[in-house]
Protein backbone atom coordinates (compact mmCIF):
# COMPACT_ATOMS: atom_id res chain seq x y z
CA MET A 1 0.00 0.00 0.00
CA LYS A 2 1.48 3.33 -1.08
CA ILE A 3 1.03 6.27 1.27
CA GLN A 4 0.17 9.58 -0.38
CA PRO A 5 2.60 12.33 0.59
CA LEU A 6 1.19 15.28 2.53
CA ARG A 7 4.18 17.43 1.58
CA GLN A 8 6.45 17.66 -1.44
CA ILE A 9 10.17 17.99 -0.87
CA ARG A 10 12.42 19.61 -3.46
CA TYR A 11 15.92 21.01 -3.40
CA TYR A 12 17.16 24.37 -4.56
CA LYS A 13 19.92 24.15 -7.17
CA ASP A 14 22.56 21.58 -6.14
CA PHE A 15 23.31 22.70 -2.58
CA TYR A 16 21.60 19.73 -0.94
CA LEU A 17 22.78 17.27 -3.60
CA ASP A 18 26.42 18.36 -3.17
CA PHE A 19 26.13 17.79 0.59
CA PHE A 20 24.27 14.48 0.16
CA GLY A 21 26.81 13.17 -2.36
CA LYS A 22 29.62 13.37 0.22
CA LEU A 23 27.80 11.32 2.87
CA ASN A 24 28.47 7.66 3.56
CA PRO A 25 25.80 5.12 2.50
CA GLY A 26 24.38 4.68 6.03
CA VAL A 27 23.84 8.40 6.46
CA LYS A 28 22.33 8.70 2.96
CA LYS A 29 19.90 5.90 3.82
CA LYS A 30 18.87 7.67 7.04
CA PHE A 31 18.41 10.99 5.18
CA ASN A 32 16.22 9.30 2.58
CA TRP A 33 14.15 7.66 5.31
CA THR A 34 13.81 10.97 7.20
CA LEU A 35 12.73 12.92 4.10
CA GLN A 36 10.18 10.22 3.25
CA PHE A 37 8.89 10.30 6.84
CA ILE A 38 8.60 14.11 6.82
CA SER A 39 6.62 13.96 3.58
CA VAL A 40 3.92 11.58 4.91
CA VAL A 41 3.32 12.16 8.64
CA PRO A 42 0.63 14.70 9.60
CA ARG A 43 2.61 16.11 12.55
CA ILE A 44 6.39 15.95 12.20
CA PRO A 45 8.19 15.35 15.50
CA GLU A 46 10.68 18.10 16.39
CA LYS A 47 13.34 15.40 16.59
CA TYR A 48 13.33 15.36 12.76
CA PHE A 49 12.13 18.81 11.73
CA LYS A 50 12.57 21.89 13.88
CA HIS A 51 11.86 25.57 13.32
CA LEU A 52 14.93 27.73 13.95
CA ALA A 53 14.00 30.60 16.25
CA GLY A 54 15.28 33.99 15.17
CA THR A 55 15.21 33.15 11.44
CA SER A 56 12.89 34.10 8.61
CA GLY A 57 11.10 30.74 8.62
CA LEU A 58 14.03 28.36 8.36
CA TYR A 59 13.70 24.78 9.56
CA GLU A 60 16.39 22.20 10.11
CA ILE A 61 15.96 18.59 9.14
CA ARG A 62 17.80 16.58 11.75
CA VAL A 63 19.50 13.22 11.23
CA GLU A 64 21.57 11.27 13.74
CA VAL A 65 23.58 8.19 12.84
CA GLY A 66 25.51 6.80 15.80
CA SER A 67 27.24 9.76 17.41
CA ASP A 68 27.23 11.79 14.17
CA ILE A 69 24.68 14.57 13.78
CA PHE A 70 23.70 16.11 10.45
CA ARG A 71 21.45 19.04 9.59
CA VAL A 72 19.89 20.33 6.39
CA PHE A 73 18.21 23.72 6.30
CA SER A 74 14.87 24.05 4.60
CA PHE A 75 11.87 26.34 4.29
CA PHE A 76 8.29 26.23 3.06
CA ASP A 77 7.06 27.54 -0.27
CA LYS A 78 3.31 27.63 -0.98
CA GLY A 79 1.85 25.57 1.84
CA GLN A 80 3.17 22.03 1.82
CA LEU A 81 6.21 22.40 -0.44
CA ILE A 82 9.50 22.09 1.45
CA ILE A 83 12.67 23.40 -0.21
CA LEU A 84 16.02 21.94 0.89
CA VAL A 85 19.15 24.09 0.82
CA ASN A 86 22.52 23.68 2.54
CA GLY A 87 23.51 20.86 4.87
CA PHE A 88 26.36 20.26 7.27
CA GLN A 89 27.65 17.90 9.94
CA LYS A 90 27.03 19.35 13.36
CA LYS A 91 30.11 19.23 15.58
CA SER A 92 29.09 21.54 18.42
CA GLN A 93 26.05 22.27 20.55
CA LYS A 94 25.26 25.54 18.77
CA THR A 95 24.31 25.67 15.09
CA PRO A 96 27.06 27.61 13.26
CA SER A 97 25.87 31.14 12.43
CA ASN A 98 27.63 31.05 9.04
CA GLU A 99 25.47 28.03 8.04
CA ILE A 100 22.29 29.85 9.11
CA GLU A 101 23.38 32.97 7.19
CA LYS A 102 24.04 30.86 4.10
CA ALA A 103 20.57 29.28 4.37
CA GLU A 104 18.94 32.71 4.78
CA LYS A 105 20.79 33.95 1.69
CA LEU A 106 19.75 30.90 -0.34
CA LYS A 107 16.12 31.29 0.74
CA LYS A 108 16.12 34.94 -0.38
CA GLN A 109 17.81 33.98 -3.67
CA TYR A 110 15.21 31.24 -4.24
CA PHE A 111 12.27 33.63 -3.84
CA ASP A 112 13.98 36.43 -5.81
CA GLU A 113 14.53 34.07 -8.76
CA LYS A 114 11.02 32.72 -8.48
CA ASP A 115 9.51 36.19 -8.61
CA GLU A 116 11.40 37.21 -11.76
């Protein structure tokens, strides 16, 4: 039985794909599972998808494999469309501000290009 997705997930340019391509197979598998999960569950647990306070509507998709922690920034476009942008491996408690700034810039670029 195939479950109908509640949300569509797309990526902006190749930022997510470049990040994904460098991951080991186990982490890729967990990312694929997490993205599939996010697309079909009515209420996404914060463990997997969390709004970043103090941003213009950025969310982080969270994946843990063993002791390794990975994050991909995303945002919504038109209701249930989630756009993936940059990802990184988290090595400290605090999310690096340069990664947040990059995601904010990519979000703005996405909407600027869309509005042209």
